[in-house]
Protein backbone atom coordinates (compact mmCIF):
# COMPACT_ATOMS: atom_id res chain seq x y z
CA UNK A 1 0.00 0.00 0.00
CA UNK A 2 1.38 3.40 -1.00
CA UNK A 3 1.14 6.15 1.61
CA UNK A 4 -1.10 9.13 0.82
CA UNK A 5 0.77 12.39 1.42
CA UNK A 6 -1.05 15.70 1.85
CA UNK A 7 0.71 19.03 2.42
CA UNK A 8 -1.59 21.22 4.45
CA UNK A 9 -1.31 24.67 6.02
CA UNK A 10 1.48 24.28 8.60
CA UNK A 11 1.80 20.49 8.46
CA UNK A 12 2.17 17.36 6.35
CA UNK A 13 -0.23 14.43 6.77
CA UNK A 14 0.90 10.95 5.70
CA UNK A 15 -1.78 8.25 5.74
CA UNK A 16 -0.15 4.81 5.88
CA UNK A 17 -3.18 2.58 6.53
CA UNK A 18 -6.88 3.27 6.20
CA UNK A 19 -9.07 0.18 6.36
CA UNK A 20 -12.37 -0.58 8.04
CA UNK A 21 -10.41 -2.15 10.93
CA UNK A 22 -7.43 0.16 11.46
CA UNK A 23 -6.04 3.59 10.53
CA UNK A 24 -2.51 4.98 10.93
CA UNK A 25 -1.60 8.58 10.10
CA UNK A 26 1.63 10.51 10.68
CA UNK A 27 1.59 14.27 11.19
CA UNK A 28 4.68 16.46 10.73
CA UNK A 29 3.89 19.90 12.17
CA UNK A 30 6.23 22.76 11.21
CA UNK A 31 5.02 25.52 13.55
CA UNK A 32 1.31 25.48 14.21
CA UNK A 33 -1.60 23.40 12.94
CA UNK A 34 -5.29 23.10 13.68
CA UNK A 35 -6.04 19.42 13.22
CA UNK A 36 -9.24 17.43 12.91
CA UNK A 37 -9.15 13.69 13.59
CA UNK A 38 -12.37 11.78 14.08
CA UNK A 39 -12.37 8.29 15.57
CA UNK A 40 -13.71 6.24 18.47
CA UNK A 41 -10.37 6.95 20.17
CA UNK A 42 -6.79 7.48 19.00
CA UNK A 43 -3.41 6.34 20.29
CA UNK A 44 -0.69 8.96 19.77
CA UNK A 45 3.08 8.45 19.83
CA UNK A 46 5.38 11.46 19.51
CA UNK A 47 8.25 10.42 17.23
CA UNK A 48 10.39 13.55 17.22
CA UNK A 49 10.49 17.15 18.43
CA UNK A 50 8.41 18.88 21.06
CA UNK A 51 5.56 21.31 21.34
CA UNK A 52 2.05 21.57 22.73
CA UNK A 53 -1.32 20.00 22.05
CA UNK A 54 -4.00 22.42 23.21
CA UNK A 55 -1.45 24.05 25.54
CA UNK A 56 -0.32 20.73 27.11
CA UNK A 57 3.40 20.03 26.62
CA UNK A 58 4.25 16.98 24.49
CA UNK A 59 7.61 15.70 23.29
CA UNK A 60 9.57 12.85 21.75
CA UNK A 61 8.72 9.53 23.41
CA UNK A 62 5.36 10.63 24.80
CA UNK A 63 2.35 8.35 24.31
CA UNK A 64 -1.25 9.28 25.06
CA UNK A 65 -4.87 8.63 24.11
CA UNK A 66 -7.21 11.10 22.44
CA UNK A 67 -10.71 10.16 23.64
CA UNK A 68 -13.93 9.94 21.63
CA UNK A 69 -15.42 13.33 20.87
CA UNK A 70 -12.11 15.22 21.03
CA UNK A 71 -12.00 15.80 17.26
CA UNK A 72 -10.35 19.21 16.89
CA UNK A 73 -7.10 20.27 18.48
CA UNK A 74 -4.25 22.75 18.02
CA UNK A 75 -0.64 21.56 17.83
CA UNK A 76 2.22 24.04 18.13
CA UNK A 77 5.96 23.43 17.70
CA UNK A 78 8.16 21.44 15.36
CA UNK A 79 6.93 17.95 16.08
CA UNK A 80 6.19 14.61 14.40
CA UNK A 81 3.68 12.11 15.76
CA UNK A 82 1.78 9.07 14.60
CA UNK A 83 -1.89 8.46 15.34
CA UNK A 84 -3.41 4.97 15.32
CA UNK A 85 -7.12 4.30 15.60
CA UNK A 86 -9.91 1.89 14.77
PDB file of N, CA and C in Angstrom:
ATOM      1  N   UNK A   1       0.838  -1.166   0.000  1.00  0.00           N
ATOM      2  CA  UNK A   1       0.000   0.000   0.000  1.00  0.00           C
ATOM      3  C   UNK A   1       0.894   1.243   0.000  1.00  0.00           C
ATOM      4  N   UNK A   2       0.627   2.161  -0.899  1.00  0.00           N
ATOM      5  CA  UNK A   2       1.383   3.395  -1.004  1.00  0.00           C
ATOM      6  C   UNK A   2       0.796   4.454  -0.077  1.00  0.00           C
ATOM      7  N   UNK A   3       1.648   5.099   0.726  1.00  0.00           N
ATOM      8  CA  UNK A   3       1.138   6.150   1.612  1.00  0.00           C
ATOM      9  C   UNK A   3       0.537   7.315   0.825  1.00  0.00           C
ATOM     10  N   UNK A   4      -0.478   7.953   1.405  1.00  0.00           N
ATOM     11  CA  UNK A   4      -1.098   9.132   0.818  1.00  0.00           C
ATOM     12  C   UNK A   4      -0.552  10.343   1.558  1.00  0.00           C
ATOM     13  N   UNK A   5       0.126  11.219   0.824  1.00  0.00           N
ATOM     14  CA  UNK A   5       0.770  12.387   1.419  1.00  0.00           C
ATOM     15  C   UNK A   5       0.000  13.644   1.035  1.00  0.00           C
ATOM     16  N   UNK A   6      -0.352  14.438   2.066  1.00  0.00           N
ATOM     17  CA  UNK A   6      -1.046  15.701   1.852  1.00  0.00           C
ATOM     18  C   UNK A   6      -0.279  16.814   2.563  1.00  0.00           C
ATOM     19  N   UNK A   7       0.085  17.844   1.824  1.00  0.00           N
ATOM     20  CA  UNK A   7       0.708  19.029   2.419  1.00  0.00           C
ATOM     21  C   UNK A   7      -0.388  20.030   2.718  1.00  0.00           C
ATOM     22  N   UNK A   8      -0.538  20.317   3.988  1.00  0.00           N
ATOM     23  CA  UNK A   8      -1.589  21.221   4.454  1.00  0.00           C
ATOM     24  C   UNK A   8      -0.954  22.506   4.969  1.00  0.00           C
ATOM     25  N   UNK A   9      -1.784  23.416   5.473  1.00  0.00           N
ATOM     26  CA  UNK A   9      -1.310  24.670   6.020  1.00  0.00           C
ATOM     27  C   UNK A   9      -0.617  24.433   7.368  1.00  0.00           C
ATOM     28  N   UNK A  10       0.714  24.440   7.373  1.00  0.00           N
ATOM     29  CA  UNK A  10       1.475  24.283   8.600  1.00  0.00           C
ATOM     30  C   UNK A  10       1.889  22.861   8.938  1.00  0.00           C
ATOM     31  N   UNK A  11       1.445  21.877   8.160  1.00  0.00           N
ATOM     32  CA  UNK A  11       1.803  20.491   8.465  1.00  0.00           C
ATOM     33  C   UNK A  11       1.693  19.590   7.242  1.00  0.00           C
ATOM     34  N   UNK A  12       2.292  18.415   7.361  1.00  0.00           N
ATOM     35  CA  UNK A  12       2.172  17.360   6.355  1.00  0.00           C
ATOM     36  C   UNK A  12       1.477  16.180   7.001  1.00  0.00           C
ATOM     37  N   UNK A  13       0.516  15.596   6.294  1.00  0.00           N
ATOM     38  CA  UNK A  13      -0.233  14.428   6.773  1.00  0.00           C
ATOM     39  C   UNK A  13       0.108  13.263   5.857  1.00  0.00           C
ATOM     40  N   UNK A  14       0.567  12.156   6.457  1.00  0.00           N
ATOM     41  CA  UNK A  14       0.899  10.949   5.698  1.00  0.00           C
ATOM     42  C   UNK A  14       0.026   9.810   6.205  1.00  0.00           C
ATOM     43  N   UNK A  15      -0.866   9.338   5.366  1.00  0.00           N
ATOM     44  CA  UNK A  15      -1.776   8.247   5.735  1.00  0.00           C
ATOM     45  C   UNK A  15      -1.173   6.933   5.252  1.00  0.00           C
ATOM     46  N   UNK A  16      -0.787   6.086   6.210  1.00  0.00           N
ATOM     47  CA  UNK A  16      -0.152   4.806   5.884  1.00  0.00           C
ATOM     48  C   UNK A  16      -1.166   3.689   5.705  1.00  0.00           C
ATOM     49  N   UNK A  17      -2.158   3.629   6.583  1.00  0.00           N
ATOM     50  CA  UNK A  17      -3.180   2.579   6.532  1.00  0.00           C
ATOM     51  C   UNK A  17      -4.532   3.222   6.777  1.00  0.00           C
ATOM     52  N   UNK A  18      -5.514   2.829   5.970  1.00  0.00           N
ATOM     53  CA  UNK A  18      -6.884   3.274   6.201  1.00  0.00           C
ATOM     54  C   UNK A  18      -7.823   2.164   5.739  1.00  0.00           C
ATOM     55  N   UNK A  19      -8.161   1.279   6.670  1.00  0.00           N
ATOM     56  CA  UNK A  19      -9.073   0.181   6.363  1.00  0.00           C
ATOM     57  C   UNK A  19     -10.265   0.268   7.307  1.00  0.00           C
ATOM     58  N   UNK A  20     -11.210  -0.605   7.147  1.00  0.00           N
ATOM     59  CA  UNK A  20     -12.367  -0.575   8.042  1.00  0.00           C
ATOM     60  C   UNK A  20     -12.013  -1.054   9.445  1.00  0.00           C
ATOM     61  N   UNK A  21     -10.823  -1.638   9.621  1.00  0.00           N
ATOM     62  CA  UNK A  21     -10.411  -2.147  10.930  1.00  0.00           C
ATOM     63  C   UNK A  21      -9.352  -1.300  11.633  1.00  0.00           C
ATOM     64  N   UNK A  22      -8.581  -0.518  10.873  1.00  0.00           N
ATOM     65  CA  UNK A  22      -7.428   0.160  11.464  1.00  0.00           C
ATOM     66  C   UNK A  22      -7.018   1.351  10.602  1.00  0.00           C
ATOM     67  N   UNK A  23      -6.516   2.415  11.247  1.00  0.00           N
ATOM     68  CA  UNK A  23      -6.043   3.592  10.534  1.00  0.00           C
ATOM     69  C   UNK A  23      -4.776   4.098  11.207  1.00  0.00           C
ATOM     70  N   UNK A  24      -3.754   4.425  10.416  1.00  0.00           N
ATOM     71  CA  UNK A  24      -2.510   4.980  10.932  1.00  0.00           C
ATOM     72  C   UNK A  24      -2.117   6.188  10.088  1.00  0.00           C
ATOM     73  N   UNK A  25      -1.927   7.323  10.769  1.00  0.00           N
ATOM     74  CA  UNK A  25      -1.598   8.577  10.102  1.00  0.00           C
ATOM     75  C   UNK A  25      -0.452   9.250  10.845  1.00  0.00           C
ATOM     76  N   UNK A  26       0.518   9.758  10.089  1.00  0.00           N
ATOM     77  CA  UNK A  26       1.629  10.515  10.683  1.00  0.00           C
ATOM     78  C   UNK A  26       1.420  11.994  10.367  1.00  0.00           C
ATOM     79  N   UNK A  27       1.664  12.833  11.359  1.00  0.00           N
ATOM     80  CA  UNK A  27       1.591  14.274  11.186  1.00  0.00           C
ATOM     81  C   UNK A  27       2.966  14.870  11.458  1.00  0.00           C
ATOM     82  N   UNK A  28       3.455  15.702  10.545  1.00  0.00           N
ATOM     83  CA  UNK A  28       4.683  16.465  10.731  1.00  0.00           C
ATOM     84  C   UNK A  28       4.279  17.933  10.783  1.00  0.00           C
ATOM     85  N   UNK A  29       4.301  18.506  11.982  1.00  0.00           N
ATOM     86  CA  UNK A  29       3.894  19.901  12.171  1.00  0.00           C
ATOM     87  C   UNK A  29       5.142  20.769  12.139  1.00  0.00           C
ATOM     88  N   UNK A  30       5.077  21.857  11.362  1.00  0.00           N
ATOM     89  CA  UNK A  30       6.230  22.756  11.215  1.00  0.00           C
ATOM     90  C   UNK A  30       6.249  23.864  12.255  1.00  0.00           C
ATOM     91  N   UNK A  31       5.117  24.448  12.560  1.00  0.00           N
ATOM     92  CA  UNK A  31       5.023  25.519  13.548  1.00  0.00           C
ATOM     93  C   UNK A  31       3.728  25.446  14.328  1.00  0.00           C
ATOM     94  N   UNK A  32       2.620  25.469  13.580  1.00  0.00           N
ATOM     95  CA  UNK A  32       1.306  25.479  14.208  1.00  0.00           C
ATOM     96  C   UNK A  32       0.303  24.869  13.242  1.00  0.00           C
ATOM     97  N   UNK A  33      -0.586  24.040  13.776  1.00  0.00           N
ATOM     98  CA  UNK A  33      -1.601  23.404  12.937  1.00  0.00           C
ATOM     99  C   UNK A  33      -2.871  23.169  13.740  1.00  0.00           C
ATOM    100  N   UNK A  34      -3.987  23.443  13.119  1.00  0.00           N
ATOM    101  CA  UNK A  34      -5.289  23.101  13.683  1.00  0.00           C
ATOM    102  C   UNK A  34      -5.725  21.814  13.005  1.00  0.00           C
ATOM    103  N   UNK A  35      -5.789  20.745  13.775  1.00  0.00           N
ATOM    104  CA  UNK A  35      -6.041  19.420  13.217  1.00  0.00           C
ATOM    105  C   UNK A  35      -7.433  18.922  13.572  1.00  0.00           C
ATOM    106  N   UNK A  36      -7.969  18.115  12.665  1.00  0.00           N
ATOM    107  CA  UNK A  36      -9.237  17.432  12.907  1.00  0.00           C
ATOM    108  C   UNK A  36      -8.983  15.952  12.694  1.00  0.00           C
ATOM    109  N   UNK A  37      -9.341  15.139  13.678  1.00  0.00           N
ATOM    110  CA  UNK A  37      -9.153  13.695  13.595  1.00  0.00           C
ATOM    111  C   UNK A  37     -10.325  13.037  14.297  1.00  0.00           C
ATOM    112  N   UNK A  38     -11.169  12.398  13.516  1.00  0.00           N
ATOM    113  CA  UNK A  38     -12.372  11.782  14.079  1.00  0.00           C
ATOM    114  C   UNK A  38     -12.196  10.270  14.163  1.00  0.00           C
ATOM    115  N   UNK A  39     -12.423   9.738  15.362  1.00  0.00           N
ATOM    116  CA  UNK A  39     -12.371   8.292  15.571  1.00  0.00           C
ATOM    117  C   UNK A  39     -13.005   7.960  16.916  1.00  0.00           C
ATOM    118  N   UNK A  40     -13.177   6.677  17.178  1.00  0.00           N
ATOM    119  CA  UNK A  40     -13.710   6.240  18.465  1.00  0.00           C
ATOM    120  C   UNK A  40     -12.743   6.654  19.578  1.00  0.00           C
ATOM    121  N   UNK A  41     -11.462   6.465  19.336  1.00  0.00           N
ATOM    122  CA  UNK A  41     -10.368   6.952  20.172  1.00  0.00           C
ATOM    123  C   UNK A  41      -9.109   6.869  19.321  1.00  0.00           C
ATOM    124  N   UNK A  42      -8.045   7.513  19.753  1.00  0.00           N
ATOM    125  CA  UNK A  42      -6.795   7.478  18.996  1.00  0.00           C
ATOM    126  C   UNK A  42      -5.614   7.334  19.941  1.00  0.00           C
ATOM    127  N   UNK A  43      -4.661   6.502  19.560  1.00  0.00           N
ATOM    128  CA  UNK A  43      -3.413   6.340  20.294  1.00  0.00           C
ATOM    129  C   UNK A  43      -2.355   7.191  19.596  1.00  0.00           C
ATOM    130  N   UNK A  44      -1.671   8.034  20.351  1.00  0.00           N
ATOM    131  CA  UNK A  44      -0.695   8.957  19.773  1.00  0.00           C
ATOM    132  C   UNK A  44       0.688   8.653  20.333  1.00  0.00           C
ATOM    133  N   UNK A  45       1.683   8.594  19.441  1.00  0.00           N
ATOM    134  CA  UNK A  45       3.078   8.449  19.829  1.00  0.00           C
ATOM    135  C   UNK A  45       3.863   9.579  19.187  1.00  0.00           C
ATOM    136  N   UNK A  46       4.553  10.374  20.015  1.00  0.00           N
ATOM    137  CA  UNK A  46       5.379  11.459  19.506  1.00  0.00           C
ATOM    138  C   UNK A  46       6.718  10.863  19.081  1.00  0.00           C
ATOM    139  N   UNK A  47       7.043  11.013  17.794  1.00  0.00           N
ATOM    140  CA  UNK A  47       8.247  10.418  17.227  1.00  0.00           C
ATOM    141  C   UNK A  47       9.476  11.316  17.340  1.00  0.00           C
ATOM    142  N   UNK A  48       9.264  12.629  17.212  1.00  0.00           N
ATOM    143  CA  UNK A  48      10.391  13.553  17.215  1.00  0.00           C
ATOM    144  C   UNK A  48       9.915  14.964  17.536  1.00  0.00           C
ATOM    145  N   UNK A  49      10.788  15.753  18.143  1.00  0.00           N
ATOM    146  CA  UNK A  49      10.492  17.151  18.429  1.00  0.00           C
ATOM    147  C   UNK A  49       9.716  17.340  19.712  1.00  0.00           C
ATOM    148  N   UNK A  50       9.239  18.573  19.901  1.00  0.00           N
ATOM    149  CA  UNK A  50       8.414  18.884  21.060  1.00  0.00           C
ATOM    150  C   UNK A  50       7.528  20.076  20.739  1.00  0.00           C
ATOM    151  N   UNK A  51       6.508  20.231  21.549  1.00  0.00           N
ATOM    152  CA  UNK A  51       5.557  21.313  21.340  1.00  0.00           C
ATOM    153  C   UNK A  51       4.411  21.201  22.321  1.00  0.00           C
ATOM    154  N   UNK A  52       3.241  21.650  21.884  1.00  0.00           N
ATOM    155  CA  UNK A  52       2.053  21.570  22.726  1.00  0.00           C
ATOM    156  C   UNK A  52       0.867  21.059  21.923  1.00  0.00           C
ATOM    157  N   UNK A  53      -0.028  20.391  22.601  1.00  0.00           N
ATOM    158  CA  UNK A  53      -1.320  19.997  22.053  1.00  0.00           C
ATOM    159  C   UNK A  53      -2.357  20.644  22.959  1.00  0.00           C
ATOM    160  N   UNK A  54      -3.057  21.634  22.416  1.00  0.00           N
ATOM    161  CA  UNK A  54      -4.005  22.425  23.214  1.00  0.00           C
ATOM    162  C   UNK A  54      -3.384  22.881  24.535  1.00  0.00           C
ATOM    163  N   UNK A  55      -2.197  23.458  24.423  1.00  0.00           N
ATOM    164  CA  UNK A  55      -1.448  24.052  25.541  1.00  0.00           C
ATOM    165  C   UNK A  55      -0.870  23.049  26.539  1.00  0.00           C
ATOM    166  N   UNK A  56      -0.963  21.753  26.275  1.00  0.00           N
ATOM    167  CA  UNK A  56      -0.315  20.729  27.106  1.00  0.00           C
ATOM    168  C   UNK A  56       1.000  20.331  26.443  1.00  0.00           C
ATOM    169  N   UNK A  57       2.099  20.353  27.186  1.00  0.00           N
ATOM    170  CA  UNK A  57       3.403  20.026  26.620  1.00  0.00           C
ATOM    171  C   UNK A  57       3.462  18.562  26.196  1.00  0.00           C
ATOM    172  N   UNK A  58       4.003  18.342  24.990  1.00  0.00           N
ATOM    173  CA  UNK A  58       4.254  16.984  24.491  1.00  0.00           C
ATOM    174  C   UNK A  58       5.636  16.975  23.851  1.00  0.00           C
ATOM    175  N   UNK A  59       6.286  15.800  23.865  1.00  0.00           N
ATOM    176  CA  UNK A  59       7.613  15.696  23.291  1.00  0.00           C
ATOM    177  C   UNK A  59       7.949  14.269  22.894  1.00  0.00           C
ATOM    178  N   UNK A  60       9.091  14.136  22.248  1.00  0.00           N
ATOM    179  CA  UNK A  60       9.565  12.848  21.755  1.00  0.00           C
ATOM    180  C   UNK A  60       9.467  11.782  22.839  1.00  0.00           C
ATOM    181  N   UNK A  61       8.864  10.645  22.485  1.00  0.00           N
ATOM    182  CA  UNK A  61       8.716   9.527  23.413  1.00  0.00           C
ATOM    183  C   UNK A  61       7.399   9.502  24.164  1.00  0.00           C
ATOM    184  N   UNK A  62       6.650  10.598  24.118  1.00  0.00           N
ATOM    185  CA  UNK A  62       5.358  10.633  24.803  1.00  0.00           C
ATOM    186  C   UNK A  62       4.327   9.783  24.068  1.00  0.00           C
ATOM    187  N   UNK A  63       3.466   9.145  24.834  1.00  0.00           N
ATOM    188  CA  UNK A  63       2.348   8.355  24.310  1.00  0.00           C
ATOM    189  C   UNK A  63       1.103   8.748  25.097  1.00  0.00           C
ATOM    190  N   UNK A  64      -0.007   8.920  24.389  1.00  0.00           N
ATOM    191  CA  UNK A  64      -1.249   9.278  25.062  1.00  0.00           C
ATOM    192  C   UNK A  64      -2.450   8.908  24.193  1.00  0.00           C
ATOM    193  N   UNK A  65      -3.618   8.972  24.796  1.00  0.00           N
ATOM    194  CA  UNK A  65      -4.870   8.631  24.111  1.00  0.00           C
ATOM    195  C   UNK A  65      -5.690   9.893  23.911  1.00  0.00           C
ATOM    196  N   UNK A  66      -6.233  10.046  22.707  1.00  0.00           N
ATOM    197  CA  UNK A  66      -7.209  11.097  22.436  1.00  0.00           C
ATOM    198  C   UNK A  66      -8.579  10.426  22.508  1.00  0.00           C
ATOM    199  N   UNK A  67      -9.432  10.834  23.438  1.00  0.00           N
ATOM    200  CA  UNK A  67     -10.713  10.159  23.640  1.00  0.00           C
ATOM    201  C   UNK A  67     -11.757  10.510  22.577  1.00  0.00           C
ATOM    202  N   UNK A  68     -12.798   9.703  22.522  1.00  0.00           N
ATOM    203  CA  UNK A  68     -13.930   9.936  21.626  1.00  0.00           C
ATOM    204  C   UNK A  68     -14.503  11.333  21.857  1.00  0.00           C
ATOM    205  N   UNK A  69     -14.810  12.007  20.779  1.00  0.00           N
ATOM    206  CA  UNK A  69     -15.415  13.326  20.867  1.00  0.00           C
ATOM    207  C   UNK A  69     -14.431  14.479  20.873  1.00  0.00           C
ATOM    208  N   UNK A  70     -13.144  14.173  21.039  1.00  0.00           N
ATOM    209  CA  UNK A  70     -12.114  15.219  21.027  1.00  0.00           C
ATOM    210  C   UNK A  70     -11.547  15.268  19.614  1.00  0.00           C
ATOM    211  N   UNK A  71     -12.299  15.879  18.697  1.00  0.00           N
ATOM    212  CA  UNK A  71     -11.997  15.798  17.264  1.00  0.00           C
ATOM    213  C   UNK A  71     -11.114  16.913  16.730  1.00  0.00           C
ATOM    214  N   UNK A  72     -11.113  18.058  17.368  1.00  0.00           N
ATOM    215  CA  UNK A  72     -10.350  19.207  16.887  1.00  0.00           C
ATOM    216  C   UNK A  72      -9.358  19.650  17.947  1.00  0.00           C
ATOM    217  N   UNK A  73      -8.116  19.835  17.534  1.00  0.00           N
ATOM    218  CA  UNK A  73      -7.102  20.272  18.475  1.00  0.00           C
ATOM    219  C   UNK A  73      -6.020  21.070  17.761  1.00  0.00           C
ATOM    220  N   UNK A  74      -5.308  21.886  18.549  1.00  0.00           N
ATOM    221  CA  UNK A  74      -4.254  22.747  18.023  1.00  0.00           C
ATOM    222  C   UNK A  74      -2.906  22.219  18.490  1.00  0.00           C
ATOM    223  N   UNK A  75      -1.998  22.026  17.530  1.00  0.00           N
ATOM    224  CA  UNK A  75      -0.644  21.564  17.830  1.00  0.00           C
ATOM    225  C   UNK A  75       0.321  22.678  17.449  1.00  0.00           C
ATOM    226  N   UNK A  76       1.214  23.018  18.390  1.00  0.00           N
ATOM    227  CA  UNK A  76       2.219  24.039  18.130  1.00  0.00           C
ATOM    228  C   UNK A  76       3.604  23.467  18.385  1.00  0.00           C
ATOM    229  N   UNK A  77       4.581  23.881  17.576  1.00  0.00           N
ATOM    230  CA  UNK A  77       5.961  23.429  17.699  1.00  0.00           C
ATOM    231  C   UNK A  77       6.391  22.692  16.456  1.00  0.00           C
ATOM    232  N   UNK A  78       7.639  22.289  16.441  1.00  0.00           N
ATOM    233  CA  UNK A  78       8.159  21.440  15.359  1.00  0.00           C
ATOM    234  C   UNK A  78       8.165  20.031  15.896  1.00  0.00           C
ATOM    235  N   UNK A  79       7.195  19.243  15.452  1.00  0.00           N
ATOM    236  CA  UNK A  79       6.928  17.945  16.084  1.00  0.00           C
ATOM    237  C   UNK A  79       6.359  16.958  15.075  1.00  0.00           C
ATOM    238  N   UNK A  80       6.731  15.695  15.219  1.00  0.00           N
ATOM    239  CA  UNK A  80       6.186  14.613  14.397  1.00  0.00           C
ATOM    240  C   UNK A  80       5.562  13.579  15.315  1.00  0.00           C
ATOM    241  N   UNK A  81       4.347  13.141  14.963  1.00  0.00           N
ATOM    242  CA  UNK A  81       3.685  12.111  15.757  1.00  0.00           C
ATOM    243  C   UNK A  81       2.831  11.232  14.862  1.00  0.00           C
ATOM    244  N   UNK A  82       2.596  10.026  15.338  1.00  0.00           N
ATOM    245  CA  UNK A  82       1.784   9.067  14.599  1.00  0.00           C
ATOM    246  C   UNK A  82       0.527   8.782  15.409  1.00  0.00           C
ATOM    247  N   UNK A  83      -0.602   8.696  14.702  1.00  0.00           N
ATOM    248  CA  UNK A  83      -1.894   8.465  15.335  1.00  0.00           C
ATOM    249  C   UNK A  83      -2.465   7.154  14.806  1.00  0.00           C
ATOM    250  N   UNK A  84      -2.816   6.255  15.694  1.00  0.00           N
ATOM    251  CA  UNK A  84      -3.405   4.969  15.322  1.00  0.00           C
ATOM    252  C   UNK A  84      -4.809   4.878  15.920  1.00  0.00           C
ATOM    253  N   UNK A  85      -5.733   4.385  15.125  1.00  0.00           N
ATOM    254  CA  UNK A  85      -7.120   4.303  15.598  1.00  0.00           C
ATOM    255  C   UNK A  85      -7.849   3.173  14.889  1.00  0.00           C
ATOM    256  N   UNK A  86      -9.061   2.900  15.400  1.00  0.00           N
ATOM    257  CA  UNK A  86      -9.909   1.893  14.770  1.00  0.00           C
ATOM    258  C   UNK A  86     -11.113   2.565  14.167  1.00  0.00           C
TER     259      UNK A  86
END
